[in-house]
Amino acid sequence: MPFRHIPSNKKSGAPLKYRGIALRHFDRHGVPLVGRMITWQLLVVGVFVHLVFFYSIFDIYFTSPLVHGMAPLVASQNPPAKRLVLFVADGLRADKFFELDETGETRAPFLRTIIEHEGSWGISHTRVPTESRPGHVALIAGFYEDVSAVAKGWKENPVEFDSVFNESRRTWAWGSPDILPMFAKGASGDHVLTHCYPAHLEDFAGKDATKLDTWVFSEVKNFLSEAKQNSSLMHQLHDNKVILFLHLLGIDTNGHSHKPHSSEYLENIRLVDYGIKDIVEQIESFFGADKQTAYVMTADHGMTNWGELHTV
């Protein structure tokens, strides 16, 4: 260190000044004691400022977007349809859906026909976190998932929210036990009915996940057949504000297991297209083609080339 002792003025004996600080305030190593105090104070202030900045991140971004206490509004005009059939192909990539196969044919001929001749279409873009639960909350509840749900692994509802299912007269849903129960738990009554396959069927290490989708299609067809023999169920289905929700997890599971460029993933797209075509025909036959059914088919997120969740 540059100062090992306390120098003094030879004439007056007063301690010398070092940058305005009396040298008697140096320690035994020659470091100004006041300078050490200033350094310690700056360190405390710096830590405090960083803590404030760190807290501000949670205060700004980890705030629930939900506004409670609002009364639901009822449209005064008649809706264009009495019922909605919602298909969600979990983990479906847009490019894999639109591209042609090795023979130059589309993998989704039925949906391609709808796009070209009957329906409206577009490409949706999700946002982080690109997982199934936040994606379905955005689709069905109309807002981006409450960030506090991350503390529960995106599995439960930390904050109750309203949804299209809750506002329906009655909703029937088939699919994954990871997705459907959260909408039934958040409903204000018992009008959201879910039918889930056993959780052990979601095997991301399995060879074929199309069984998840075939289970859904089969259950819906059995449901419609049962309704023909059940007058009460038939009446409920012919009422207005009815929703049928089909959650199709096979594409997502095959994407994680085999990657989205694999034959398993691509063939699952073909199976889903055929299954949707079959269900649409069954529903049109059940309701007598009354033109009171709206169909929506979409995906909750896409997938990267290495099998991770990503934008559609």
C-alpha atoms as a PDB file:
ATOM      1  CA  MET A   1       0.000   0.000   0.000  1.00  0.00           C
ATOM      2  CA  PRO A   2       1.235   3.578  -0.634  1.00  0.00           C
ATOM      3  CA  PHE A   3       0.881   4.748   2.989  1.00  0.00           C
ATOM      4  CA  ARG A   4       2.383   2.778   5.867  1.00  0.00           C
ATOM      5  CA  HIS A   5       2.497   5.587   8.448  1.00  0.00           C
ATOM      6  CA  ILE A   6       0.839   8.904   9.228  1.00  0.00           C
ATOM      7  CA  PRO A   7       2.990  11.705   7.833  1.00  0.00           C
ATOM      8  CA  SER A   8       2.872  15.161   9.419  1.00  0.00           C
ATOM      9  CA  ASN A   9       3.889  18.685   8.624  1.00  0.00           C
ATOM     10  CA  LYS A  10       7.383  19.148   9.962  1.00  0.00           C
ATOM     11  CA  LYS A  11       6.754  22.804  10.865  1.00  0.00           C
ATOM     12  CA  SER A  12       3.343  22.628  12.516  1.00  0.00           C
ATOM     13  CA  GLY A  13       3.092  18.937  13.346  1.00  0.00           C
ATOM     14  CA  ALA A  14      -0.451  18.852  11.957  1.00  0.00           C
ATOM     15  CA  PRO A  15      -1.467  15.792  10.018  1.00  0.00           C
ATOM     16  CA  LEU A  16      -1.240  16.107   6.262  1.00  0.00           C
ATOM     17  CA  LYS A  17      -4.308  16.071   4.040  1.00  0.00           C
ATOM     18  CA  TYR A  18      -4.979  13.308   1.479  1.00  0.00           C
ATOM     19  CA  ARG A  19      -7.648  14.453  -0.989  1.00  0.00           C
ATOM     20  CA  GLY A  20      -9.287  16.503   1.754  1.00  0.00           C
ATOM     21  CA  ILE A  21      -9.173  13.675   4.346  1.00  0.00           C
ATOM     22  CA  ALA A  22      -6.969  13.944   7.413  1.00  0.00           C
ATOM     23  CA  LEU A  23      -4.327  11.231   7.224  1.00  0.00           C
ATOM     24  CA  ARG A  24      -4.939  10.296  10.855  1.00  0.00           C
ATOM     25  CA  HIS A  25      -8.023   8.430   9.433  1.00  0.00           C
ATOM     26  CA  PHE A  26      -5.842   5.906   7.600  1.00  0.00           C
ATOM     27  CA  ASP A  27      -5.678   2.341   8.892  1.00  0.00           C
ATOM     28  CA  ARG A  28      -2.474   0.462   9.510  1.00  0.00           C
ATOM     29  CA  HIS A  29      -2.315  -0.457   5.818  1.00  0.00           C
ATOM     30  CA  GLY A  30      -2.603   3.143   4.751  1.00  0.00           C
ATOM     31  CA  VAL A  31      -6.197   2.834   3.427  1.00  0.00           C
ATOM     32  CA  PRO A  32      -8.417   5.842   4.285  1.00  0.00           C
ATOM     33  CA  LEU A  33     -10.997   4.744   6.854  1.00  0.00           C
ATOM     34  CA  VAL A  34     -13.582   7.171   5.485  1.00  0.00           C
ATOM     35  CA  GLY A  35     -13.041   5.674   2.038  1.00  0.00           C
ATOM     36  CA  ARG A  36     -13.729   2.210   3.439  1.00  0.00           C
ATOM     37  CA  MET A  37     -16.954   3.475   5.017  1.00  0.00           C
ATOM     38  CA  ILE A  38     -18.032   5.009   1.709  1.00  0.00           C
ATOM     39  CA  THR A  39     -17.338   1.712  -0.083  1.00  0.00           C
ATOM     40  CA  TRP A  40     -19.415  -0.200   2.476  1.00  0.00           C
ATOM     41  CA  GLN A  41     -22.272   2.271   2.145  1.00  0.00           C
ATOM     42  CA  LEU A  42     -22.204   2.058  -1.642  1.00  0.00           C
ATOM     43  CA  LEU A  43     -22.325  -1.732  -1.380  1.00  0.00           C
ATOM     44  CA  VAL A  44     -25.437  -1.587   0.831  1.00  0.00           C
ATOM     45  CA  VAL A  45     -27.132   0.912  -1.478  1.00  0.00           C
ATOM     46  CA  GLY A  46     -26.255  -1.210  -4.521  1.00  0.00           C
ATOM     47  CA  VAL A  47     -27.737  -4.361  -2.978  1.00  0.00           C
ATOM     48  CA  PHE A  48     -30.887  -2.440  -2.013  1.00  0.00           C
ATOM     49  CA  VAL A  49     -31.318  -1.038  -5.530  1.00  0.00           C
ATOM     50  CA  HIS A  50     -30.923  -4.498  -7.059  1.00  0.00           C
ATOM     51  CA  LEU A  51     -33.513  -5.902  -4.664  1.00  0.00           C
ATOM     52  CA  VAL A  52     -35.935  -3.160  -5.694  1.00  0.00           C
ATOM     53  CA  PHE A  53     -35.341  -3.942  -9.366  1.00  0.00           C
ATOM     54  CA  PHE A  54     -35.780  -7.666  -8.710  1.00  0.00           C
ATOM     55  CA  TYR A  55     -39.050  -7.039  -6.869  1.00  0.00           C
ATOM     56  CA  SER A  56     -40.296  -4.781  -9.654  1.00  0.00           C
ATOM     57  CA  ILE A  57     -40.100  -7.690 -12.129  1.00  0.00           C
ATOM     58  CA  PHE A  58     -42.601  -9.683 -10.083  1.00  0.00           C
ATOM     59  CA  ASP A  59     -44.715  -6.626  -9.318  1.00  0.00           C
ATOM     60  CA  ILE A  60     -45.024  -5.707 -13.012  1.00  0.00           C
ATOM     61  CA  TYR A  61     -45.055  -9.026 -14.852  1.00  0.00           C
ATOM     62  CA  PHE A  62     -46.269 -11.473 -12.205  1.00  0.00           C
ATOM     63  CA  THR A  63     -49.552  -9.682 -11.670  1.00  0.00           C
ATOM     64  CA  SER A  64     -52.787 -11.487 -12.436  1.00  0.00           C
ATOM     65  CA  PRO A  65     -54.484 -10.165 -15.599  1.00  0.00           C
ATOM     66  CA  LEU A  66     -57.884 -11.153 -14.235  1.00  0.00           C
ATOM     67  CA  VAL A  67     -60.445  -8.597 -13.141  1.00  0.00           C
ATOM     68  CA  HIS A  68     -63.027 -10.025 -10.749  1.00  0.00           C
ATOM     69  CA  GLY A  69     -66.494  -8.774  -9.903  1.00  0.00           C
ATOM     70  CA  MET A  70     -67.619  -8.089 -13.464  1.00  0.00           C
ATOM     71  CA  ALA A  71     -71.124  -9.175 -14.494  1.00  0.00           C
ATOM     72  CA  PRO A  72     -71.309 -11.393 -17.617  1.00  0.00           C
ATOM     73  CA  LEU A  73     -72.941  -9.791 -20.631  1.00  0.00           C
ATOM     74  CA  VAL A  74     -75.495 -11.574 -22.789  1.00  0.00           C
ATOM     75  CA  ALA A  75     -75.619 -10.806 -26.512  1.00  0.00           C
ATOM     76  CA  SER A  76     -78.927  -9.371 -27.642  1.00  0.00           C
ATOM     77  CA  GLN A  77     -78.673 -10.880 -31.131  1.00  0.00           C
ATOM     78  CA  ASN A  78     -79.176 -14.510 -31.984  1.00  0.00           C
ATOM     79  CA  PRO A  79     -75.894 -16.401 -32.496  1.00  0.00           C
ATOM     80  CA  PRO A  80     -75.107 -17.889 -35.921  1.00  0.00           C
ATOM     81  CA  ALA A  81     -75.114 -21.407 -34.443  1.00  0.00           C
ATOM     82  CA  LYS A  82     -76.691 -23.275 -31.556  1.00  0.00           C
ATOM     83  CA  ARG A  83     -73.679 -25.443 -30.804  1.00  0.00           C
ATOM     84  CA  LEU A  84     -69.891 -25.410 -31.117  1.00  0.00           C
ATOM     85  CA  VAL A  85     -67.607 -28.350 -31.851  1.00  0.00           C
ATOM     86  CA  LEU A  86     -64.022 -27.483 -30.881  1.00  0.00           C
ATOM     87  CA  PHE A  87     -61.091 -29.638 -32.040  1.00  0.00           C
ATOM     88  CA  VAL A  88     -57.662 -28.855 -30.572  1.00  0.00           C
ATOM     89  CA  ALA A  89     -54.769 -30.772 -32.128  1.00  0.00           C
ATOM     90  CA  ASP A  90     -52.221 -30.415 -29.351  1.00  0.00           C
ATOM     91  CA  GLY A  91     -48.692 -29.657 -30.604  1.00  0.00           C
ATOM     92  CA  LEU A  92     -49.597 -29.403 -34.308  1.00  0.00           C
ATOM     93  CA  ARG A  93     -47.089 -27.443 -36.400  1.00  0.00           C
ATOM     94  CA  ALA A  94     -48.535 -25.296 -39.167  1.00  0.00           C
ATOM     95  CA  ASP A  95     -45.826 -26.159 -41.682  1.00  0.00           C
ATOM     96  CA  LYS A  96     -46.301 -29.893 -41.201  1.00  0.00           C
ATOM     97  CA  PHE A  97     -50.037 -29.465 -41.593  1.00  0.00           C
ATOM     98  CA  PHE A  98     -49.852 -27.461 -44.835  1.00  0.00           C
ATOM     99  CA  GLU A  99     -46.909 -29.156 -46.551  1.00  0.00           C
ATOM    100  CA  LEU A 100     -47.391 -31.993 -49.045  1.00  0.00           C
ATOM    101  CA  ASP A 101     -46.115 -35.497 -48.406  1.00  0.00           C
ATOM    102  CA  GLU A 102     -43.504 -37.338 -50.479  1.00  0.00           C
ATOM    103  CA  THR A 103     -46.131 -38.227 -53.117  1.00  0.00           C
ATOM    104  CA  GLY A 104     -47.228 -34.620 -53.503  1.00  0.00           C
ATOM    105  CA  GLU A 105     -50.504 -35.148 -51.667  1.00  0.00           C
ATOM    106  CA  THR A 106     -51.775 -33.342 -48.584  1.00  0.00           C
ATOM    107  CA  ARG A 107     -51.775 -35.167 -45.260  1.00  0.00           C
ATOM    108  CA  ALA A 108     -55.082 -33.563 -44.319  1.00  0.00           C
ATOM    109  CA  PRO A 109     -57.366 -33.831 -47.371  1.00  0.00           C
ATOM    110  CA  PHE A 110     -60.610 -33.180 -45.473  1.00  0.00           C
ATOM    111  CA  LEU A 111     -59.401 -30.049 -43.680  1.00  0.00           C
ATOM    112  CA  ARG A 112     -57.676 -28.878 -46.858  1.00  0.00           C
ATOM    113  CA  THR A 113     -61.010 -29.071 -48.669  1.00  0.00           C
ATOM    114  CA  ILE A 114     -62.652 -27.044 -45.906  1.00  0.00           C
ATOM    115  CA  ILE A 115     -59.919 -24.415 -46.201  1.00  0.00           C
ATOM    116  CA  GLU A 116     -60.227 -24.144 -49.990  1.00  0.00           C
ATOM    117  CA  HIS A 117     -64.003 -24.245 -50.379  1.00  0.00           C
ATOM    118  CA  GLU A 118     -65.960 -23.700 -47.158  1.00  0.00           C
ATOM    119  CA  GLY A 119     -64.253 -22.342 -44.068  1.00  0.00           C
ATOM    120  CA  SER A 120     -62.017 -19.517 -42.920  1.00  0.00           C
ATOM    121  CA  TRP A 121     -58.445 -20.236 -41.943  1.00  0.00           C
ATOM    122  CA  GLY A 122     -55.286 -18.643 -40.614  1.00  0.00           C
ATOM    123  CA  ILE A 123     -52.049 -19.312 -38.750  1.00  0.00           C
ATOM    124  CA  SER A 124     -52.086 -18.723 -35.005  1.00  0.00           C
ATOM    125  CA  HIS A 125     -49.074 -17.685 -32.967  1.00  0.00           C
ATOM    126  CA  THR A 126     -48.814 -18.600 -29.328  1.00  0.00           C
ATOM    127  CA  ARG A 127     -46.672 -16.960 -26.667  1.00  0.00           C
ATOM    128  CA  VAL A 128     -44.571 -18.195 -23.779  1.00  0.00           C
ATOM    129  CA  PRO A 129     -44.950 -20.362 -21.892  1.00  0.00           C
ATOM    130  CA  THR A 130     -45.725 -22.572 -24.894  1.00  0.00           C
ATOM    131  CA  GLU A 131     -47.315 -25.391 -22.931  1.00  0.00           C
ATOM    132  CA  SER A 132     -50.639 -27.141 -23.272  1.00  0.00           C
ATOM    133  CA  ARG A 133     -52.376 -25.669 -20.237  1.00  0.00           C
ATOM    134  CA  PRO A 134     -51.600 -21.965 -20.909  1.00  0.00           C
ATOM    135  CA  GLY A 135     -52.465 -22.509 -24.563  1.00  0.00           C
ATOM    136  CA  HIS A 136     -55.877 -23.946 -23.750  1.00  0.00           C
ATOM    137  CA  VAL A 137     -56.579 -21.226 -21.198  1.00  0.00           C
ATOM    138  CA  ALA A 138     -55.901 -18.633 -23.913  1.00  0.00           C
ATOM    139  CA  LEU A 139     -58.171 -20.450 -26.374  1.00  0.00           C
ATOM    140  CA  ILE A 140     -61.079 -21.225 -24.064  1.00  0.00           C
ATOM    141  CA  ALA A 141     -60.881 -18.532 -21.378  1.00  0.00           C
ATOM    142  CA  GLY A 142     -59.625 -15.686 -23.566  1.00  0.00           C
ATOM    143  CA  PHE A 143     -56.578 -14.545 -21.593  1.00  0.00           C
ATOM    144  CA  TYR A 144     -52.967 -15.531 -21.109  1.00  0.00           C
ATOM    145  CA  GLU A 145     -52.527 -17.865 -18.164  1.00  0.00           C
ATOM    146  CA  ASP A 146     -52.092 -16.336 -14.730  1.00  0.00           C
ATOM    147  CA  VAL A 147     -48.341 -16.439 -14.120  1.00  0.00           C
ATOM    148  CA  SER A 148     -48.836 -17.654 -10.562  1.00  0.00           C
ATOM    149  CA  ALA A 149     -49.828 -21.001 -12.081  1.00  0.00           C
ATOM    150  CA  VAL A 150     -46.120 -21.678 -12.693  1.00  0.00           C
ATOM    151  CA  ALA A 151     -45.769 -22.301  -8.949  1.00  0.00           C
ATOM    152  CA  LYS A 152     -48.169 -25.218  -9.370  1.00  0.00           C
ATOM    153  CA  GLY A 153     -46.517 -26.583 -12.485  1.00  0.00           C
ATOM    154  CA  TRP A 154     -49.311 -25.323 -14.765  1.00  0.00           C
ATOM    155  CA  LYS A 155     -51.549 -28.070 -13.333  1.00  0.00           C
ATOM    156  CA  GLU A 156     -54.055 -26.282 -11.102  1.00  0.00           C
ATOM    157  CA  ASN A 157     -55.990 -23.026 -10.985  1.00  0.00           C
ATOM    158  CA  PRO A 158     -54.303 -20.674  -8.500  1.00  0.00           C
ATOM    159  CA  VAL A 159     -56.899 -18.051  -9.416  1.00  0.00           C
ATOM    160  CA  GLU A 160     -60.418 -18.923 -10.550  1.00  0.00           C
ATOM    161  CA  PHE A 161     -61.364 -17.664 -13.999  1.00  0.00           C
ATOM    162  CA  ASP A 162     -64.338 -17.673 -16.314  1.00  0.00           C
ATOM    163  CA  SER A 163     -64.378 -19.517 -19.643  1.00  0.00           C
ATOM    164  CA  VAL A 164     -66.526 -20.215 -22.669  1.00  0.00           C
ATOM    165  CA  PHE A 165     -67.287 -23.617 -21.161  1.00  0.00           C
ATOM    166  CA  ASN A 166     -68.549 -22.030 -17.972  1.00  0.00           C
ATOM    167  CA  GLU A 167     -70.816 -19.654 -19.910  1.00  0.00           C
ATOM    168  CA  SER A 168     -72.269 -22.482 -22.001  1.00  0.00           C
ATOM    169  CA  ARG A 169     -75.520 -24.195 -21.145  1.00  0.00           C
ATOM    170  CA  ARG A 170     -73.717 -27.530 -21.213  1.00  0.00           C
ATOM    171  CA  THR A 171     -70.260 -28.689 -22.313  1.00  0.00           C
ATOM    172  CA  TRP A 172     -69.047 -32.203 -23.007  1.00  0.00           C
ATOM    173  CA  ALA A 173     -65.296 -32.679 -23.280  1.00  0.00           C
ATOM    174  CA  TRP A 174     -63.075 -35.662 -24.108  1.00  0.00           C
ATOM    175  CA  GLY A 175     -59.316 -35.878 -23.813  1.00  0.00           C
ATOM    176  CA  SER A 176     -56.375 -35.539 -21.462  1.00  0.00           C
ATOM    177  CA  PRO A 177     -56.704 -35.613 -17.669  1.00  0.00           C
ATOM    178  CA  ASP A 178     -54.108 -32.829 -17.581  1.00  0.00           C
ATOM    179  CA  ILE A 179     -56.319 -30.355 -19.464  1.00  0.00           C
ATOM    180  CA  LEU A 180     -60.026 -31.052 -19.023  1.00  0.00           C
ATOM    181  CA  PRO A 181     -60.380 -31.043 -15.206  1.00  0.00           C
ATOM    182  CA  MET A 182     -59.216 -27.430 -14.813  1.00  0.00           C
ATOM    183  CA  PHE A 183     -62.229 -26.169 -16.757  1.00  0.00           C
ATOM    184  CA  ALA A 184     -64.629 -28.388 -14.845  1.00  0.00           C
ATOM    185  CA  LYS A 185     -63.203 -27.259 -11.488  1.00  0.00           C
ATOM    186  CA  GLY A 186     -63.506 -23.609 -12.452  1.00  0.00           C
ATOM    187  CA  ALA A 187     -67.117 -23.921 -13.598  1.00  0.00           C
ATOM    188  CA  SER A 188     -69.896 -22.362 -11.548  1.00  0.00           C
ATOM    189  CA  GLY A 189     -72.017 -25.503 -11.764  1.00  0.00           C
ATOM    190  CA  ASP A 190     -71.988 -29.120 -12.886  1.00  0.00           C
ATOM    191  CA  HIS A 191     -72.685 -28.383 -16.544  1.00  0.00           C
ATOM    192  CA  VAL A 192     -69.097 -29.045 -17.746  1.00  0.00           C
ATOM    193  CA  LEU A 193     -68.805 -32.805 -18.158  1.00  0.00           C
ATOM    194  CA  THR A 194     -65.386 -34.313 -18.831  1.00  0.00           C
ATOM    195  CA  HIS A 195     -64.391 -37.759 -20.066  1.00  0.00           C
ATOM    196  CA  CYS A 196     -60.671 -38.479 -19.677  1.00  0.00           C
ATOM    197  CA  TYR A 197     -58.577 -41.499 -20.554  1.00  0.00           C
ATOM    198  CA  PRO A 198     -56.312 -42.973 -17.849  1.00  0.00           C
ATOM    199  CA  ALA A 199     -53.183 -40.914 -17.221  1.00  0.00           C
ATOM    200  CA  HIS A 200     -50.885 -43.890 -17.878  1.00  0.00           C
ATOM    201  CA  LEU A 201     -51.865 -43.822 -21.559  1.00  0.00           C
ATOM    202  CA  GLU A 202     -49.862 -40.585 -21.929  1.00  0.00           C
ATOM    203  CA  ASP A 203     -46.605 -42.454 -22.466  1.00  0.00           C
ATOM    204  CA  PHE A 204     -44.017 -40.135 -23.988  1.00  0.00           C
ATOM    205  CA  ALA A 205     -41.648 -43.073 -24.346  1.00  0.00           C
ATOM    206  CA  GLY A 206     -44.210 -45.192 -26.174  1.00  0.00           C
ATOM    207  CA  LYS A 207     -44.034 -46.213 -29.817  1.00  0.00           C
ATOM    208  CA  ASP A 208     -47.489 -45.056 -30.843  1.00  0.00           C
ATOM    209  CA  ALA A 209     -49.484 -42.226 -29.270  1.00  0.00           C
ATOM    210  CA  THR A 210     -52.268 -42.210 -31.857  1.00  0.00           C
ATOM    211  CA  LYS A 211     -54.293 -44.312 -29.423  1.00  0.00           C
ATOM    212  CA  LEU A 212     -54.947 -41.117 -27.456  1.00  0.00           C
ATOM    213  CA  ASP A 213     -56.759 -39.610 -30.431  1.00  0.00           C
ATOM    214  CA  THR A 214     -58.545 -42.779 -31.497  1.00  0.00           C
ATOM    215  CA  TRP A 215     -59.840 -43.076 -27.910  1.00  0.00           C
ATOM    216  CA  VAL A 216     -61.354 -39.588 -28.141  1.00  0.00           C
ATOM    217  CA  PHE A 217     -62.963 -40.197 -31.536  1.00  0.00           C
ATOM    218  CA  SER A 218     -64.360 -43.535 -30.397  1.00  0.00           C
ATOM    219  CA  GLU A 219     -65.815 -42.078 -27.195  1.00  0.00           C
ATOM    220  CA  VAL A 220     -67.531 -39.253 -29.046  1.00  0.00           C
ATOM    221  CA  LYS A 221     -69.140 -41.671 -31.503  1.00  0.00           C
ATOM    222  CA  ASN A 222     -70.311 -43.871 -28.619  1.00  0.00           C
ATOM    223  CA  PHE A 223     -71.709 -40.767 -26.917  1.00  0.00           C
ATOM    224  CA  LEU A 224     -73.753 -39.833 -29.983  1.00  0.00           C
ATOM    225  CA  SER A 225     -75.020 -43.407 -30.317  1.00  0.00           C
ATOM    226  CA  GLU A 226     -76.077 -43.408 -26.668  1.00  0.00           C
ATOM    227  CA  ALA A 227     -77.862 -40.087 -27.080  1.00  0.00           C
ATOM    228  CA  LYS A 228     -80.083 -41.609 -29.756  1.00  0.00           C
ATOM    229  CA  GLN A 229     -81.393 -44.020 -27.128  1.00  0.00           C
ATOM    230  CA  ASN A 230     -81.594 -41.441 -24.320  1.00  0.00           C
ATOM    231  CA  SER A 231     -84.368 -38.866 -24.722  1.00  0.00           C
ATOM    232  CA  SER A 232     -83.041 -36.656 -21.900  1.00  0.00           C
ATOM    233  CA  LEU A 233     -79.542 -36.528 -23.406  1.00  0.00           C
ATOM    234  CA  MET A 234     -81.028 -35.966 -26.842  1.00  0.00           C
ATOM    235  CA  HIS A 235     -82.967 -32.965 -25.544  1.00  0.00           C
ATOM    236  CA  GLN A 236     -79.870 -31.508 -23.893  1.00  0.00           C
ATOM    237  CA  LEU A 237     -77.837 -31.827 -27.076  1.00  0.00           C
ATOM    238  CA  HIS A 238     -80.510 -30.087 -29.141  1.00  0.00           C
ATOM    239  CA  ASP A 239     -80.583 -27.112 -26.799  1.00  0.00           C
ATOM    240  CA  ASN A 240     -78.636 -23.956 -27.573  1.00  0.00           C
ATOM    241  CA  LYS A 241     -75.262 -22.877 -26.101  1.00  0.00           C
ATOM    242  CA  VAL A 242     -73.909 -26.432 -26.312  1.00  0.00           C
ATOM    243  CA  ILE A 243     -70.182 -27.184 -26.719  1.00  0.00           C
ATOM    244  CA  LEU A 244     -68.450 -30.418 -27.694  1.00  0.00           C
ATOM    245  CA  PHE A 245     -64.705 -30.252 -27.046  1.00  0.00           C
ATOM    246  CA  LEU A 246     -62.254 -32.831 -28.424  1.00  0.00           C
ATOM    247  CA  HIS A 247     -58.713 -32.537 -27.067  1.00  0.00           C
ATOM    248  CA  LEU A 248     -56.342 -34.499 -29.335  1.00  0.00           C
ATOM    249  CA  LEU A 249     -52.999 -35.091 -27.623  1.00  0.00           C
ATOM    250  CA  GLY A 250     -51.525 -37.752 -29.915  1.00  0.00           C
ATOM    251  CA  ILE A 251     -49.660 -35.361 -32.224  1.00  0.00           C
ATOM    252  CA  ASP A 252     -47.996 -33.608 -29.286  1.00  0.00           C
ATOM    253  CA  THR A 253     -46.997 -36.889 -27.641  1.00  0.00           C
ATOM    254  CA  ASN A 254     -45.551 -38.308 -30.864  1.00  0.00           C
ATOM    255  CA  GLY A 255     -43.679 -35.052 -31.424  1.00  0.00           C
ATOM    256  CA  HIS A 256     -42.010 -35.289 -28.029  1.00  0.00           C
ATOM    257  CA  SER A 257     -41.242 -38.971 -28.469  1.00  0.00           C
ATOM    258  CA  HIS A 258     -40.182 -39.115 -32.125  1.00  0.00           C
ATOM    259  CA  LYS A 259     -39.718 -35.456 -33.190  1.00  0.00           C
ATOM    260  CA  PRO A 260     -42.046 -33.588 -35.592  1.00  0.00           C
ATOM    261  CA  HIS A 261     -40.265 -34.784 -38.746  1.00  0.00           C
ATOM    262  CA  SER A 262     -40.864 -38.442 -37.862  1.00  0.00           C
ATOM    263  CA  SER A 263     -43.318 -40.699 -39.644  1.00  0.00           C
ATOM    264  CA  GLU A 264     -45.234 -41.171 -36.376  1.00  0.00           C
ATOM    265  CA  TYR A 265     -45.889 -37.440 -36.078  1.00  0.00           C
ATOM    266  CA  LEU A 266     -46.809 -36.989 -39.738  1.00  0.00           C
ATOM    267  CA  GLU A 267     -49.085 -40.023 -39.837  1.00  0.00           C
ATOM    268  CA  ASN A 268     -50.810 -38.796 -36.697  1.00  0.00           C
ATOM    269  CA  ILE A 269     -51.793 -35.661 -38.631  1.00  0.00           C
ATOM    270  CA  ARG A 270     -53.364 -37.875 -41.267  1.00  0.00           C
ATOM    271  CA  LEU A 271     -55.238 -39.844 -38.590  1.00  0.00           C
ATOM    272  CA  VAL A 272     -56.550 -36.677 -36.949  1.00  0.00           C
ATOM    273  CA  ASP A 273     -57.803 -35.374 -40.287  1.00  0.00           C
ATOM    274  CA  TYR A 274     -59.665 -38.613 -40.949  1.00  0.00           C
ATOM    275  CA  GLY A 275     -61.036 -38.660 -37.385  1.00  0.00           C
ATOM    276  CA  ILE A 276     -62.330 -35.089 -37.643  1.00  0.00           C
ATOM    277  CA  LYS A 277     -63.992 -35.926 -40.965  1.00  0.00           C
ATOM    278  CA  ASP A 278     -65.707 -38.920 -39.358  1.00  0.00           C
ATOM    279  CA  ILE A 279     -66.909 -36.902 -36.342  1.00  0.00           C
ATOM    280  CA  VAL A 280     -68.253 -34.085 -38.534  1.00  0.00           C
ATOM    281  CA  GLU A 281     -70.241 -36.593 -40.580  1.00  0.00           C
ATOM    282  CA  GLN A 282     -71.574 -38.222 -37.411  1.00  0.00           C
ATOM    283  CA  ILE A 283     -72.636 -34.882 -35.935  1.00  0.00           C
ATOM    284  CA  GLU A 284     -74.266 -33.686 -39.157  1.00  0.00           C
ATOM    285  CA  SER A 285     -76.211 -36.938 -39.315  1.00  0.00           C
ATOM    286  CA  PHE A 286     -77.181 -36.731 -35.639  1.00  0.00           C
ATOM    287  CA  PHE A 287     -78.578 -33.185 -35.931  1.00  0.00           C
ATOM    288  CA  GLY A 288     -80.082 -33.699 -39.356  1.00  0.00           C
ATOM    289  CA  ALA A 289     -77.729 -31.252 -41.060  1.00  0.00           C
ATOM    290  CA  ASP A 290     -79.628 -28.347 -39.507  1.00  0.00           C
ATOM    291  CA  LYS A 291     -76.778 -25.914 -40.227  1.00  0.00           C
ATOM    292  CA  GLN A 292     -76.728 -24.880 -36.572  1.00  0.00           C
ATOM    293  CA  THR A 293     -73.289 -26.337 -35.773  1.00  0.00           C
ATOM    294  CA  ALA A 294     -70.069 -24.286 -35.809  1.00  0.00           C
ATOM    295  CA  TYR A 295     -66.767 -26.137 -36.123  1.00  0.00           C
ATOM    296  CA  VAL A 296     -63.417 -24.786 -34.974  1.00  0.00           C
ATOM    297  CA  MET A 297     -60.156 -26.683 -35.408  1.00  0.00           C
ATOM    298  CA  THR A 298     -56.895 -25.240 -34.071  1.00  0.00           C
ATOM    299  CA  ALA A 299     -53.721 -26.020 -32.119  1.00  0.00           C
ATOM    300  CA  ASP A 300     -52.564 -24.735 -28.744  1.00  0.00           C
ATOM    301  CA  HIS A 301     -48.886 -24.542 -29.726  1.00  0.00           C
ATOM    302  CA  GLY A 302     -46.414 -25.958 -32.219  1.00  0.00           C
ATOM    303  CA  MET A 303     -43.101 -27.722 -31.752  1.00  0.00           C
ATOM    304  CA  THR A 304     -39.415 -27.234 -32.516  1.00  0.00           C
ATOM    305  CA  ASN A 305     -37.416 -29.640 -34.668  1.00  0.00           C
ATOM    306  CA  TRP A 306     -35.991 -31.281 -31.550  1.00  0.00           C
ATOM    307  CA  GLY A 307     -39.403 -31.953 -30.041  1.00  0.00           C
ATOM    308  CA  GLU A 308     -39.802 -29.017 -27.665  1.00  0.00           C
ATOM    309  CA  LEU A 309     -42.858 -26.777 -27.362  1.00  0.00           C
ATOM    310  CA  HIS A 310     -42.804 -23.736 -29.605  1.00  0.00           C
ATOM    311  CA  THR A 311     -45.000 -21.350 -31.542  1.00  0.00           C
ATOM    312  CA  VAL A 312     -47.521 -22.730 -34.014  1.00  0.00           C
END
